[in-house]
PDBML (XML) file of the C-alpha atoms, coordinates in Angstrom:
<?xml version="1.0" encoding="UTF-8" ?>
<PDBx:datablock datablockName="MODEL"
   xmlns:PDBx="http://pdbml.pdb.org/schema/pdbx-v50.xsd"
   xmlns:xsi="http://www.w3.org/2001/XMLSchema-instance"
   xsi:schemaLocation="http://pdbml.pdb.org/schema/pdbx-v50.xsd pdbx-v50.xsd">
   <PDBx:atom_siteCategory>
      <PDBx:atom_site id="1">
         <PDBx:B_iso_or_equiv>0.00</PDBx:B_iso_or_equiv>
         <PDBx:Cartn_x>22.397</PDBx:Cartn_x>
         <PDBx:Cartn_y>-6.298</PDBx:Cartn_y>
         <PDBx:Cartn_z>-12.965</PDBx:Cartn_z>
         <PDBx:auth_asym_id>A</PDBx:auth_asym_id>
         <PDBx:auth_atom_id>CA</PDBx:auth_atom_id>
         <PDBx:auth_comp_id>GLY</PDBx:auth_comp_id>
         <PDBx:auth_seq_id>1</PDBx:auth_seq_id>
         <PDBx:group_PDB>ATOM</PDBx:group_PDB>
         <PDBx:label_alt_id xsi:nil="true" />
         <PDBx:label_asym_id>A</PDBx:label_asym_id>
         <PDBx:label_atom_id>CA</PDBx:label_atom_id>
         <PDBx:label_comp_id>GLY</PDBx:label_comp_id>
         <PDBx:label_entity_id>1</PDBx:label_entity_id>
         <PDBx:label_seq_id>1</PDBx:label_seq_id>
         <PDBx:occupancy>1.00</PDBx:occupancy>
         <PDBx:pdbx_PDB_model_num>1</PDBx:pdbx_PDB_model_num>
         <PDBx:type_symbol>C</PDBx:type_symbol>
      </PDBx:atom_site>
      <PDBx:atom_site id="2">
         <PDBx:B_iso_or_equiv>0.00</PDBx:B_iso_or_equiv>
         <PDBx:Cartn_x>19.676</PDBx:Cartn_x>
         <PDBx:Cartn_y>-7.730</PDBx:Cartn_y>
         <PDBx:Cartn_z>-10.702</PDBx:Cartn_z>
         <PDBx:auth_asym_id>A</PDBx:auth_asym_id>
         <PDBx:auth_atom_id>CA</PDBx:auth_atom_id>
         <PDBx:auth_comp_id>PRO</PDBx:auth_comp_id>
         <PDBx:auth_seq_id>2</PDBx:auth_seq_id>
         <PDBx:group_PDB>ATOM</PDBx:group_PDB>
         <PDBx:label_alt_id xsi:nil="true" />
         <PDBx:label_asym_id>A</PDBx:label_asym_id>
         <PDBx:label_atom_id>CA</PDBx:label_atom_id>
         <PDBx:label_comp_id>PRO</PDBx:label_comp_id>
         <PDBx:label_entity_id>1</PDBx:label_entity_id>
         <PDBx:label_seq_id>2</PDBx:label_seq_id>
         <PDBx:occupancy>1.00</PDBx:occupancy>
         <PDBx:pdbx_PDB_model_num>1</PDBx:pdbx_PDB_model_num>
         <PDBx:type_symbol>C</PDBx:type_symbol>
      </PDBx:atom_site>
      <PDBx:atom_site id="3">
         <PDBx:B_iso_or_equiv>0.00</PDBx:B_iso_or_equiv>
         <PDBx:Cartn_x>18.804</PDBx:Cartn_x>
         <PDBx:Cartn_y>-5.101</PDBx:Cartn_y>
         <PDBx:Cartn_z>-8.094</PDBx:Cartn_z>
         <PDBx:auth_asym_id>A</PDBx:auth_asym_id>
         <PDBx:auth_atom_id>CA</PDBx:auth_atom_id>
         <PDBx:auth_comp_id>GLN</PDBx:auth_comp_id>
         <PDBx:auth_seq_id>3</PDBx:auth_seq_id>
         <PDBx:group_PDB>ATOM</PDBx:group_PDB>
         <PDBx:label_alt_id xsi:nil="true" />
         <PDBx:label_asym_id>A</PDBx:label_asym_id>
         <PDBx:label_atom_id>CA</PDBx:label_atom_id>
         <PDBx:label_comp_id>GLN</PDBx:label_comp_id>
         <PDBx:label_entity_id>1</PDBx:label_entity_id>
         <PDBx:label_seq_id>3</PDBx:label_seq_id>
         <PDBx:occupancy>1.00</PDBx:occupancy>
         <PDBx:pdbx_PDB_model_num>1</PDBx:pdbx_PDB_model_num>
         <PDBx:type_symbol>C</PDBx:type_symbol>
      </PDBx:atom_site>
      <PDBx:atom_site id="4">
         <PDBx:B_iso_or_equiv>0.00</PDBx:B_iso_or_equiv>
         <PDBx:Cartn_x>16.152</PDBx:Cartn_x>
         <PDBx:Cartn_y>-4.516</PDBx:Cartn_y>
         <PDBx:Cartn_z>-5.538</PDBx:Cartn_z>
         <PDBx:auth_asym_id>A</PDBx:auth_asym_id>
         <PDBx:auth_atom_id>CA</PDBx:auth_atom_id>
         <PDBx:auth_comp_id>LEU</PDBx:auth_comp_id>
         <PDBx:auth_seq_id>4</PDBx:auth_seq_id>
         <PDBx:group_PDB>ATOM</PDBx:group_PDB>
         <PDBx:label_alt_id xsi:nil="true" />
         <PDBx:label_asym_id>A</PDBx:label_asym_id>
         <PDBx:label_atom_id>CA</PDBx:label_atom_id>
         <PDBx:label_comp_id>LEU</PDBx:label_comp_id>
         <PDBx:label_entity_id>1</PDBx:label_entity_id>
         <PDBx:label_seq_id>4</PDBx:label_seq_id>
         <PDBx:occupancy>1.00</PDBx:occupancy>
         <PDBx:pdbx_PDB_model_num>1</PDBx:pdbx_PDB_model_num>
         <PDBx:type_symbol>C</PDBx:type_symbol>
      </PDBx:atom_site>
      <PDBx:atom_site id="5">
         <PDBx:B_iso_or_equiv>0.00</PDBx:B_iso_or_equiv>
         <PDBx:Cartn_x>15.102</PDBx:Cartn_x>
         <PDBx:Cartn_y>-1.172</PDBx:Cartn_y>
         <PDBx:Cartn_z>-4.190</PDBx:Cartn_z>
         <PDBx:auth_asym_id>A</PDBx:auth_asym_id>
         <PDBx:auth_atom_id>CA</PDBx:auth_atom_id>
         <PDBx:auth_comp_id>PHE</PDBx:auth_comp_id>
         <PDBx:auth_seq_id>5</PDBx:auth_seq_id>
         <PDBx:group_PDB>ATOM</PDBx:group_PDB>
         <PDBx:label_alt_id xsi:nil="true" />
         <PDBx:label_asym_id>A</PDBx:label_asym_id>
         <PDBx:label_atom_id>CA</PDBx:label_atom_id>
         <PDBx:label_comp_id>PHE</PDBx:label_comp_id>
         <PDBx:label_entity_id>1</PDBx:label_entity_id>
         <PDBx:label_seq_id>5</PDBx:label_seq_id>
         <PDBx:occupancy>1.00</PDBx:occupancy>
         <PDBx:pdbx_PDB_model_num>1</PDBx:pdbx_PDB_model_num>
         <PDBx:type_symbol>C</PDBx:type_symbol>
      </PDBx:atom_site>
      <PDBx:atom_site id="6">
         <PDBx:B_iso_or_equiv>0.00</PDBx:B_iso_or_equiv>
         <PDBx:Cartn_x>12.716</PDBx:Cartn_x>
         <PDBx:Cartn_y>-0.806</PDBx:Cartn_y>
         <PDBx:Cartn_z>-1.270</PDBx:Cartn_z>
         <PDBx:auth_asym_id>A</PDBx:auth_asym_id>
         <PDBx:auth_atom_id>CA</PDBx:auth_atom_id>
         <PDBx:auth_comp_id>HIS</PDBx:auth_comp_id>
         <PDBx:auth_seq_id>6</PDBx:auth_seq_id>
         <PDBx:group_PDB>ATOM</PDBx:group_PDB>
         <PDBx:label_alt_id xsi:nil="true" />
         <PDBx:label_asym_id>A</PDBx:label_asym_id>
         <PDBx:label_atom_id>CA</PDBx:label_atom_id>
         <PDBx:label_comp_id>HIS</PDBx:label_comp_id>
         <PDBx:label_entity_id>1</PDBx:label_entity_id>
         <PDBx:label_seq_id>6</PDBx:label_seq_id>
         <PDBx:occupancy>1.00</PDBx:occupancy>
         <PDBx:pdbx_PDB_model_num>1</PDBx:pdbx_PDB_model_num>
         <PDBx:type_symbol>C</PDBx:type_symbol>
      </PDBx:atom_site>
      <PDBx:atom_site id="7">
         <PDBx:B_iso_or_equiv>0.00</PDBx:B_iso_or_equiv>
         <PDBx:Cartn_x>11.768</PDBx:Cartn_x>
         <PDBx:Cartn_y>1.364</PDBx:Cartn_y>
         <PDBx:Cartn_z>1.684</PDBx:Cartn_z>
         <PDBx:auth_asym_id>A</PDBx:auth_asym_id>
         <PDBx:auth_atom_id>CA</PDBx:auth_atom_id>
         <PDBx:auth_comp_id>CYS</PDBx:auth_comp_id>
         <PDBx:auth_seq_id>7</PDBx:auth_seq_id>
         <PDBx:group_PDB>ATOM</PDBx:group_PDB>
         <PDBx:label_alt_id xsi:nil="true" />
         <PDBx:label_asym_id>A</PDBx:label_asym_id>
         <PDBx:label_atom_id>CA</PDBx:label_atom_id>
         <PDBx:label_comp_id>CYS</PDBx:label_comp_id>
         <PDBx:label_entity_id>1</PDBx:label_entity_id>
         <PDBx:label_seq_id>7</PDBx:label_seq_id>
         <PDBx:occupancy>1.00</PDBx:occupancy>
         <PDBx:pdbx_PDB_model_num>1</PDBx:pdbx_PDB_model_num>
         <PDBx:type_symbol>C</PDBx:type_symbol>
      </PDBx:atom_site>
      <PDBx:atom_site id="8">
         <PDBx:B_iso_or_equiv>0.00</PDBx:B_iso_or_equiv>
         <PDBx:Cartn_x>10.157</PDBx:Cartn_x>
         <PDBx:Cartn_y>0.519</PDBx:Cartn_y>
         <PDBx:Cartn_z>5.020</PDBx:Cartn_z>
         <PDBx:auth_asym_id>A</PDBx:auth_asym_id>
         <PDBx:auth_atom_id>CA</PDBx:auth_atom_id>
         <PDBx:auth_comp_id>SER</PDBx:auth_comp_id>
         <PDBx:auth_seq_id>8</PDBx:auth_seq_id>
         <PDBx:group_PDB>ATOM</PDBx:group_PDB>
         <PDBx:label_alt_id xsi:nil="true" />
         <PDBx:label_asym_id>A</PDBx:label_asym_id>
         <PDBx:label_atom_id>CA</PDBx:label_atom_id>
         <PDBx:label_comp_id>SER</PDBx:label_comp_id>
         <PDBx:label_entity_id>1</PDBx:label_entity_id>
         <PDBx:label_seq_id>8</PDBx:label_seq_id>
         <PDBx:occupancy>1.00</PDBx:occupancy>
         <PDBx:pdbx_PDB_model_num>1</PDBx:pdbx_PDB_model_num>
         <PDBx:type_symbol>C</PDBx:type_symbol>
      </PDBx:atom_site>
      <PDBx:atom_site id="9">
         <PDBx:B_iso_or_equiv>0.00</PDBx:B_iso_or_equiv>
         <PDBx:Cartn_x>6.543</PDBx:Cartn_x>
         <PDBx:Cartn_y>0.276</PDBx:Cartn_y>
         <PDBx:Cartn_z>3.678</PDBx:Cartn_z>
         <PDBx:auth_asym_id>A</PDBx:auth_asym_id>
         <PDBx:auth_atom_id>CA</PDBx:auth_atom_id>
         <PDBx:auth_comp_id>ALA</PDBx:auth_comp_id>
         <PDBx:auth_seq_id>9</PDBx:auth_seq_id>
         <PDBx:group_PDB>ATOM</PDBx:group_PDB>
         <PDBx:label_alt_id xsi:nil="true" />
         <PDBx:label_asym_id>A</PDBx:label_asym_id>
         <PDBx:label_atom_id>CA</PDBx:label_atom_id>
         <PDBx:label_comp_id>ALA</PDBx:label_comp_id>
         <PDBx:label_entity_id>1</PDBx:label_entity_id>
         <PDBx:label_seq_id>9</PDBx:label_seq_id>
         <PDBx:occupancy>1.00</PDBx:occupancy>
         <PDBx:pdbx_PDB_model_num>1</PDBx:pdbx_PDB_model_num>
         <PDBx:type_symbol>C</PDBx:type_symbol>
      </PDBx:atom_site>
      <PDBx:atom_site id="10">
         <PDBx:B_iso_or_equiv>0.00</PDBx:B_iso_or_equiv>
         <PDBx:Cartn_x>7.422</PDBx:Cartn_x>
         <PDBx:Cartn_y>-0.121</PDBx:Cartn_y>
         <PDBx:Cartn_z>0.033</PDBx:Cartn_z>
         <PDBx:auth_asym_id>A</PDBx:auth_asym_id>
         <PDBx:auth_atom_id>CA</PDBx:auth_atom_id>
         <PDBx:auth_comp_id>GLY</PDBx:auth_comp_id>
         <PDBx:auth_seq_id>10</PDBx:auth_seq_id>
         <PDBx:group_PDB>ATOM</PDBx:group_PDB>
         <PDBx:label_alt_id xsi:nil="true" />
         <PDBx:label_asym_id>A</PDBx:label_asym_id>
         <PDBx:label_atom_id>CA</PDBx:label_atom_id>
         <PDBx:label_comp_id>GLY</PDBx:label_comp_id>
         <PDBx:label_entity_id>1</PDBx:label_entity_id>
         <PDBx:label_seq_id>10</PDBx:label_seq_id>
         <PDBx:occupancy>1.00</PDBx:occupancy>
         <PDBx:pdbx_PDB_model_num>1</PDBx:pdbx_PDB_model_num>
         <PDBx:type_symbol>C</PDBx:type_symbol>
      </PDBx:atom_site>
      <PDBx:atom_site id="11">
         <PDBx:B_iso_or_equiv>0.00</PDBx:B_iso_or_equiv>
         <PDBx:Cartn_x>5.083</PDBx:Cartn_x>
         <PDBx:Cartn_y>2.593</PDBx:Cartn_y>
         <PDBx:Cartn_z>-1.224</PDBx:Cartn_z>
         <PDBx:auth_asym_id>A</PDBx:auth_asym_id>
         <PDBx:auth_atom_id>CA</PDBx:auth_atom_id>
         <PDBx:auth_comp_id>LYS</PDBx:auth_comp_id>
         <PDBx:auth_seq_id>11</PDBx:auth_seq_id>
         <PDBx:group_PDB>ATOM</PDBx:group_PDB>
         <PDBx:label_alt_id xsi:nil="true" />
         <PDBx:label_asym_id>A</PDBx:label_asym_id>
         <PDBx:label_atom_id>CA</PDBx:label_atom_id>
         <PDBx:label_comp_id>LYS</PDBx:label_comp_id>
         <PDBx:label_entity_id>1</PDBx:label_entity_id>
         <PDBx:label_seq_id>11</PDBx:label_seq_id>
         <PDBx:occupancy>1.00</PDBx:occupancy>
         <PDBx:pdbx_PDB_model_num>1</PDBx:pdbx_PDB_model_num>
         <PDBx:type_symbol>C</PDBx:type_symbol>
      </PDBx:atom_site>
      <PDBx:atom_site id="12">
         <PDBx:B_iso_or_equiv>0.00</PDBx:B_iso_or_equiv>
         <PDBx:Cartn_x>6.398</PDBx:Cartn_x>
         <PDBx:Cartn_y>6.156</PDBx:Cartn_y>
         <PDBx:Cartn_z>-0.853</PDBx:Cartn_z>
         <PDBx:auth_asym_id>A</PDBx:auth_asym_id>
         <PDBx:auth_atom_id>CA</PDBx:auth_atom_id>
         <PDBx:auth_comp_id>ASP</PDBx:auth_comp_id>
         <PDBx:auth_seq_id>12</PDBx:auth_seq_id>
         <PDBx:group_PDB>ATOM</PDBx:group_PDB>
         <PDBx:label_alt_id xsi:nil="true" />
         <PDBx:label_asym_id>A</PDBx:label_asym_id>
         <PDBx:label_atom_id>CA</PDBx:label_atom_id>
         <PDBx:label_comp_id>ASP</PDBx:label_comp_id>
         <PDBx:label_entity_id>1</PDBx:label_entity_id>
         <PDBx:label_seq_id>12</PDBx:label_seq_id>
         <PDBx:occupancy>1.00</PDBx:occupancy>
         <PDBx:pdbx_PDB_model_num>1</PDBx:pdbx_PDB_model_num>
         <PDBx:type_symbol>C</PDBx:type_symbol>
      </PDBx:atom_site>
      <PDBx:atom_site id="13">
         <PDBx:B_iso_or_equiv>0.00</PDBx:B_iso_or_equiv>
         <PDBx:Cartn_x>10.031</PDBx:Cartn_x>
         <PDBx:Cartn_y>6.366</PDBx:Cartn_y>
         <PDBx:Cartn_z>-1.506</PDBx:Cartn_z>
         <PDBx:auth_asym_id>A</PDBx:auth_asym_id>
         <PDBx:auth_atom_id>CA</PDBx:auth_atom_id>
         <PDBx:auth_comp_id>ARG</PDBx:auth_comp_id>
         <PDBx:auth_seq_id>13</PDBx:auth_seq_id>
         <PDBx:group_PDB>ATOM</PDBx:group_PDB>
         <PDBx:label_alt_id xsi:nil="true" />
         <PDBx:label_asym_id>A</PDBx:label_asym_id>
         <PDBx:label_atom_id>CA</PDBx:label_atom_id>
         <PDBx:label_comp_id>ARG</PDBx:label_comp_id>
         <PDBx:label_entity_id>1</PDBx:label_entity_id>
         <PDBx:label_seq_id>13</PDBx:label_seq_id>
         <PDBx:occupancy>1.00</PDBx:occupancy>
         <PDBx:pdbx_PDB_model_num>1</PDBx:pdbx_PDB_model_num>
         <PDBx:type_symbol>C</PDBx:type_symbol>
      </PDBx:atom_site>
      <PDBx:atom_site id="14">
         <PDBx:B_iso_or_equiv>0.00</PDBx:B_iso_or_equiv>
         <PDBx:Cartn_x>9.880</PDBx:Cartn_x>
         <PDBx:Cartn_y>3.173</PDBx:Cartn_y>
         <PDBx:Cartn_z>-3.507</PDBx:Cartn_z>
         <PDBx:auth_asym_id>A</PDBx:auth_asym_id>
         <PDBx:auth_atom_id>CA</PDBx:auth_atom_id>
         <PDBx:auth_comp_id>THR</PDBx:auth_comp_id>
         <PDBx:auth_seq_id>14</PDBx:auth_seq_id>
         <PDBx:group_PDB>ATOM</PDBx:group_PDB>
         <PDBx:label_alt_id xsi:nil="true" />
         <PDBx:label_asym_id>A</PDBx:label_asym_id>
         <PDBx:label_atom_id>CA</PDBx:label_atom_id>
         <PDBx:label_comp_id>THR</PDBx:label_comp_id>
         <PDBx:label_entity_id>1</PDBx:label_entity_id>
         <PDBx:label_seq_id>14</PDBx:label_seq_id>
         <PDBx:occupancy>1.00</PDBx:occupancy>
         <PDBx:pdbx_PDB_model_num>1</PDBx:pdbx_PDB_model_num>
         <PDBx:type_symbol>C</PDBx:type_symbol>
      </PDBx:atom_site>
      <PDBx:atom_site id="15">
         <PDBx:B_iso_or_equiv>0.00</PDBx:B_iso_or_equiv>
         <PDBx:Cartn_x>6.917</PDBx:Cartn_x>
         <PDBx:Cartn_y>4.385</PDBx:Cartn_y>
         <PDBx:Cartn_z>-5.364</PDBx:Cartn_z>
         <PDBx:auth_asym_id>A</PDBx:auth_asym_id>
         <PDBx:auth_atom_id>CA</PDBx:auth_atom_id>
         <PDBx:auth_comp_id>GLY</PDBx:auth_comp_id>
         <PDBx:auth_seq_id>15</PDBx:auth_seq_id>
         <PDBx:group_PDB>ATOM</PDBx:group_PDB>
         <PDBx:label_alt_id xsi:nil="true" />
         <PDBx:label_asym_id>A</PDBx:label_asym_id>
         <PDBx:label_atom_id>CA</PDBx:label_atom_id>
         <PDBx:label_comp_id>GLY</PDBx:label_comp_id>
         <PDBx:label_entity_id>1</PDBx:label_entity_id>
         <PDBx:label_seq_id>15</PDBx:label_seq_id>
         <PDBx:occupancy>1.00</PDBx:occupancy>
         <PDBx:pdbx_PDB_model_num>1</PDBx:pdbx_PDB_model_num>
         <PDBx:type_symbol>C</PDBx:type_symbol>
      </PDBx:atom_site>
      <PDBx:atom_site id="16">
         <PDBx:B_iso_or_equiv>0.00</PDBx:B_iso_or_equiv>
         <PDBx:Cartn_x>8.705</PDBx:Cartn_x>
         <PDBx:Cartn_y>7.673</PDBx:Cartn_y>
         <PDBx:Cartn_z>-6.145</PDBx:Cartn_z>
         <PDBx:auth_asym_id>A</PDBx:auth_asym_id>
         <PDBx:auth_atom_id>CA</PDBx:auth_atom_id>
         <PDBx:auth_comp_id>TRP</PDBx:auth_comp_id>
         <PDBx:auth_seq_id>16</PDBx:auth_seq_id>
         <PDBx:group_PDB>ATOM</PDBx:group_PDB>
         <PDBx:label_alt_id xsi:nil="true" />
         <PDBx:label_asym_id>A</PDBx:label_asym_id>
         <PDBx:label_atom_id>CA</PDBx:label_atom_id>
         <PDBx:label_comp_id>TRP</PDBx:label_comp_id>
         <PDBx:label_entity_id>1</PDBx:label_entity_id>
         <PDBx:label_seq_id>16</PDBx:label_seq_id>
         <PDBx:occupancy>1.00</PDBx:occupancy>
         <PDBx:pdbx_PDB_model_num>1</PDBx:pdbx_PDB_model_num>
         <PDBx:type_symbol>C</PDBx:type_symbol>
      </PDBx:atom_site>
      <PDBx:atom_site id="17">
         <PDBx:B_iso_or_equiv>0.00</PDBx:B_iso_or_equiv>
         <PDBx:Cartn_x>11.821</PDBx:Cartn_x>
         <PDBx:Cartn_y>5.779</PDBx:Cartn_y>
         <PDBx:Cartn_z>-7.479</PDBx:Cartn_z>
         <PDBx:auth_asym_id>A</PDBx:auth_asym_id>
         <PDBx:auth_atom_id>CA</PDBx:auth_atom_id>
         <PDBx:auth_comp_id>VAL</PDBx:auth_comp_id>
         <PDBx:auth_seq_id>17</PDBx:auth_seq_id>
         <PDBx:group_PDB>ATOM</PDBx:group_PDB>
         <PDBx:label_alt_id xsi:nil="true" />
         <PDBx:label_asym_id>A</PDBx:label_asym_id>
         <PDBx:label_atom_id>CA</PDBx:label_atom_id>
         <PDBx:label_comp_id>VAL</PDBx:label_comp_id>
         <PDBx:label_entity_id>1</PDBx:label_entity_id>
         <PDBx:label_seq_id>17</PDBx:label_seq_id>
         <PDBx:occupancy>1.00</PDBx:occupancy>
         <PDBx:pdbx_PDB_model_num>1</PDBx:pdbx_PDB_model_num>
         <PDBx:type_symbol>C</PDBx:type_symbol>
      </PDBx:atom_site>
      <PDBx:atom_site id="18">
         <PDBx:B_iso_or_equiv>0.00</PDBx:B_iso_or_equiv>
         <PDBx:Cartn_x>9.576</PDBx:Cartn_x>
         <PDBx:Cartn_y>3.472</PDBx:Cartn_y>
         <PDBx:Cartn_z>-9.552</PDBx:Cartn_z>
         <PDBx:auth_asym_id>A</PDBx:auth_asym_id>
         <PDBx:auth_atom_id>CA</PDBx:auth_atom_id>
         <PDBx:auth_comp_id>ALA</PDBx:auth_comp_id>
         <PDBx:auth_seq_id>18</PDBx:auth_seq_id>
         <PDBx:group_PDB>ATOM</PDBx:group_PDB>
         <PDBx:label_alt_id xsi:nil="true" />
         <PDBx:label_asym_id>A</PDBx:label_asym_id>
         <PDBx:label_atom_id>CA</PDBx:label_atom_id>
         <PDBx:label_comp_id>ALA</PDBx:label_comp_id>
         <PDBx:label_entity_id>1</PDBx:label_entity_id>
         <PDBx:label_seq_id>18</PDBx:label_seq_id>
         <PDBx:occupancy>1.00</PDBx:occupancy>
         <PDBx:pdbx_PDB_model_num>1</PDBx:pdbx_PDB_model_num>
         <PDBx:type_symbol>C</PDBx:type_symbol>
      </PDBx:atom_site>
      <PDBx:atom_site id="19">
         <PDBx:B_iso_or_equiv>0.00</PDBx:B_iso_or_equiv>
         <PDBx:Cartn_x>7.752</PDBx:Cartn_x>
         <PDBx:Cartn_y>6.522</PDBx:Cartn_y>
         <PDBx:Cartn_z>-10.971</PDBx:Cartn_z>
         <PDBx:auth_asym_id>A</PDBx:auth_asym_id>
         <PDBx:auth_atom_id>CA</PDBx:auth_atom_id>
         <PDBx:auth_comp_id>ALA</PDBx:auth_comp_id>
         <PDBx:auth_seq_id>19</PDBx:auth_seq_id>
         <PDBx:group_PDB>ATOM</PDBx:group_PDB>
         <PDBx:label_alt_id xsi:nil="true" />
         <PDBx:label_asym_id>A</PDBx:label_asym_id>
         <PDBx:label_atom_id>CA</PDBx:label_atom_id>
         <PDBx:label_comp_id>ALA</PDBx:label_comp_id>
         <PDBx:label_entity_id>1</PDBx:label_entity_id>
         <PDBx:label_seq_id>19</PDBx:label_seq_id>
         <PDBx:occupancy>1.00</PDBx:occupancy>
         <PDBx:pdbx_PDB_model_num>1</PDBx:pdbx_PDB_model_num>
         <PDBx:type_symbol>C</PDBx:type_symbol>
      </PDBx:atom_site>
      <PDBx:atom_site id="20">
         <PDBx:B_iso_or_equiv>0.00</PDBx:B_iso_or_equiv>
         <PDBx:Cartn_x>11.023</PDBx:Cartn_x>
         <PDBx:Cartn_y>8.203</PDBx:Cartn_y>
         <PDBx:Cartn_z>-11.935</PDBx:Cartn_z>
         <PDBx:auth_asym_id>A</PDBx:auth_asym_id>
         <PDBx:auth_atom_id>CA</PDBx:auth_atom_id>
         <PDBx:auth_comp_id>LEU</PDBx:auth_comp_id>
         <PDBx:auth_seq_id>20</PDBx:auth_seq_id>
         <PDBx:group_PDB>ATOM</PDBx:group_PDB>
         <PDBx:label_alt_id xsi:nil="true" />
         <PDBx:label_asym_id>A</PDBx:label_asym_id>
         <PDBx:label_atom_id>CA</PDBx:label_atom_id>
         <PDBx:label_comp_id>LEU</PDBx:label_comp_id>
         <PDBx:label_entity_id>1</PDBx:label_entity_id>
         <PDBx:label_seq_id>20</PDBx:label_seq_id>
         <PDBx:occupancy>1.00</PDBx:occupancy>
         <PDBx:pdbx_PDB_model_num>1</PDBx:pdbx_PDB_model_num>
         <PDBx:type_symbol>C</PDBx:type_symbol>
      </PDBx:atom_site>
      <PDBx:atom_site id="21">
         <PDBx:B_iso_or_equiv>0.00</PDBx:B_iso_or_equiv>
         <PDBx:Cartn_x>12.162</PDBx:Cartn_x>
         <PDBx:Cartn_y>5.008</PDBx:Cartn_y>
         <PDBx:Cartn_z>-13.615</PDBx:Cartn_z>
         <PDBx:auth_asym_id>A</PDBx:auth_asym_id>
         <PDBx:auth_atom_id>CA</PDBx:auth_atom_id>
         <PDBx:auth_comp_id>LEU</PDBx:auth_comp_id>
         <PDBx:auth_seq_id>21</PDBx:auth_seq_id>
         <PDBx:group_PDB>ATOM</PDBx:group_PDB>
         <PDBx:label_alt_id xsi:nil="true" />
         <PDBx:label_asym_id>A</PDBx:label_asym_id>
         <PDBx:label_atom_id>CA</PDBx:label_atom_id>
         <PDBx:label_comp_id>LEU</PDBx:label_comp_id>
         <PDBx:label_entity_id>1</PDBx:label_entity_id>
         <PDBx:label_seq_id>21</PDBx:label_seq_id>
         <PDBx:occupancy>1.00</PDBx:occupancy>
         <PDBx:pdbx_PDB_model_num>1</PDBx:pdbx_PDB_model_num>
         <PDBx:type_symbol>C</PDBx:type_symbol>
      </PDBx:atom_site>
      <PDBx:atom_site id="22">
         <PDBx:B_iso_or_equiv>0.00</PDBx:B_iso_or_equiv>
         <PDBx:Cartn_x>8.938</PDBx:Cartn_x>
         <PDBx:Cartn_y>4.756</PDBx:Cartn_y>
         <PDBx:Cartn_z>-15.611</PDBx:Cartn_z>
         <PDBx:auth_asym_id>A</PDBx:auth_asym_id>
         <PDBx:auth_atom_id>CA</PDBx:auth_atom_id>
         <PDBx:auth_comp_id>LEU</PDBx:auth_comp_id>
         <PDBx:auth_seq_id>22</PDBx:auth_seq_id>
         <PDBx:group_PDB>ATOM</PDBx:group_PDB>
         <PDBx:label_alt_id xsi:nil="true" />
         <PDBx:label_asym_id>A</PDBx:label_asym_id>
         <PDBx:label_atom_id>CA</PDBx:label_atom_id>
         <PDBx:label_comp_id>LEU</PDBx:label_comp_id>
         <PDBx:label_entity_id>1</PDBx:label_entity_id>
         <PDBx:label_seq_id>22</PDBx:label_seq_id>
         <PDBx:occupancy>1.00</PDBx:occupancy>
         <PDBx:pdbx_PDB_model_num>1</PDBx:pdbx_PDB_model_num>
         <PDBx:type_symbol>C</PDBx:type_symbol>
      </PDBx:atom_site>
      <PDBx:atom_site id="23">
         <PDBx:B_iso_or_equiv>0.00</PDBx:B_iso_or_equiv>
         <PDBx:Cartn_x>9.324</PDBx:Cartn_x>
         <PDBx:Cartn_y>8.380</PDBx:Cartn_y>
         <PDBx:Cartn_z>-16.600</PDBx:Cartn_z>
         <PDBx:auth_asym_id>A</PDBx:auth_asym_id>
         <PDBx:auth_atom_id>CA</PDBx:auth_atom_id>
         <PDBx:auth_comp_id>HIS</PDBx:auth_comp_id>
         <PDBx:auth_seq_id>23</PDBx:auth_seq_id>
         <PDBx:group_PDB>ATOM</PDBx:group_PDB>
         <PDBx:label_alt_id xsi:nil="true" />
         <PDBx:label_asym_id>A</PDBx:label_asym_id>
         <PDBx:label_atom_id>CA</PDBx:label_atom_id>
         <PDBx:label_comp_id>HIS</PDBx:label_comp_id>
         <PDBx:label_entity_id>1</PDBx:label_entity_id>
         <PDBx:label_seq_id>23</PDBx:label_seq_id>
         <PDBx:occupancy>1.00</PDBx:occupancy>
         <PDBx:pdbx_PDB_model_num>1</PDBx:pdbx_PDB_model_num>
         <PDBx:type_symbol>C</PDBx:type_symbol>
      </PDBx:atom_site>
      <PDBx:atom_site id="24">
         <PDBx:B_iso_or_equiv>0.00</PDBx:B_iso_or_equiv>
         <PDBx:Cartn_x>12.973</PDBx:Cartn_x>
         <PDBx:Cartn_y>7.778</PDBx:Cartn_y>
         <PDBx:Cartn_z>-17.737</PDBx:Cartn_z>
         <PDBx:auth_asym_id>A</PDBx:auth_asym_id>
         <PDBx:auth_atom_id>CA</PDBx:auth_atom_id>
         <PDBx:auth_comp_id>VAL</PDBx:auth_comp_id>
         <PDBx:auth_seq_id>24</PDBx:auth_seq_id>
         <PDBx:group_PDB>ATOM</PDBx:group_PDB>
         <PDBx:label_alt_id xsi:nil="true" />
         <PDBx:label_asym_id>A</PDBx:label_asym_id>
         <PDBx:label_atom_id>CA</PDBx:label_atom_id>
         <PDBx:label_comp_id>VAL</PDBx:label_comp_id>
         <PDBx:label_entity_id>1</PDBx:label_entity_id>
         <PDBx:label_seq_id>24</PDBx:label_seq_id>
         <PDBx:occupancy>1.00</PDBx:occupancy>
         <PDBx:pdbx_PDB_model_num>1</PDBx:pdbx_PDB_model_num>
         <PDBx:type_symbol>C</PDBx:type_symbol>
      </PDBx:atom_site>
      <PDBx:atom_site id="25">
         <PDBx:B_iso_or_equiv>0.00</PDBx:B_iso_or_equiv>
         <PDBx:Cartn_x>11.664</PDBx:Cartn_x>
         <PDBx:Cartn_y>4.811</PDBx:Cartn_y>
         <PDBx:Cartn_z>-19.719</PDBx:Cartn_z>
         <PDBx:auth_asym_id>A</PDBx:auth_asym_id>
         <PDBx:auth_atom_id>CA</PDBx:auth_atom_id>
         <PDBx:auth_comp_id>ALA</PDBx:auth_comp_id>
         <PDBx:auth_seq_id>25</PDBx:auth_seq_id>
         <PDBx:group_PDB>ATOM</PDBx:group_PDB>
         <PDBx:label_alt_id xsi:nil="true" />
         <PDBx:label_asym_id>A</PDBx:label_asym_id>
         <PDBx:label_atom_id>CA</PDBx:label_atom_id>
         <PDBx:label_comp_id>ALA</PDBx:label_comp_id>
         <PDBx:label_entity_id>1</PDBx:label_entity_id>
         <PDBx:label_seq_id>25</PDBx:label_seq_id>
         <PDBx:occupancy>1.00</PDBx:occupancy>
         <PDBx:pdbx_PDB_model_num>1</PDBx:pdbx_PDB_model_num>
         <PDBx:type_symbol>C</PDBx:type_symbol>
      </PDBx:atom_site>
   </PDBx:atom_siteCategory>
</PDBx:datablock>
């Protein structure tokens, strides 16, 4: 479903999650 993930600056924790998702893909 539609989801949004973010953190306070949108670069560190968000960047880590995005990197993990790309790895999984």
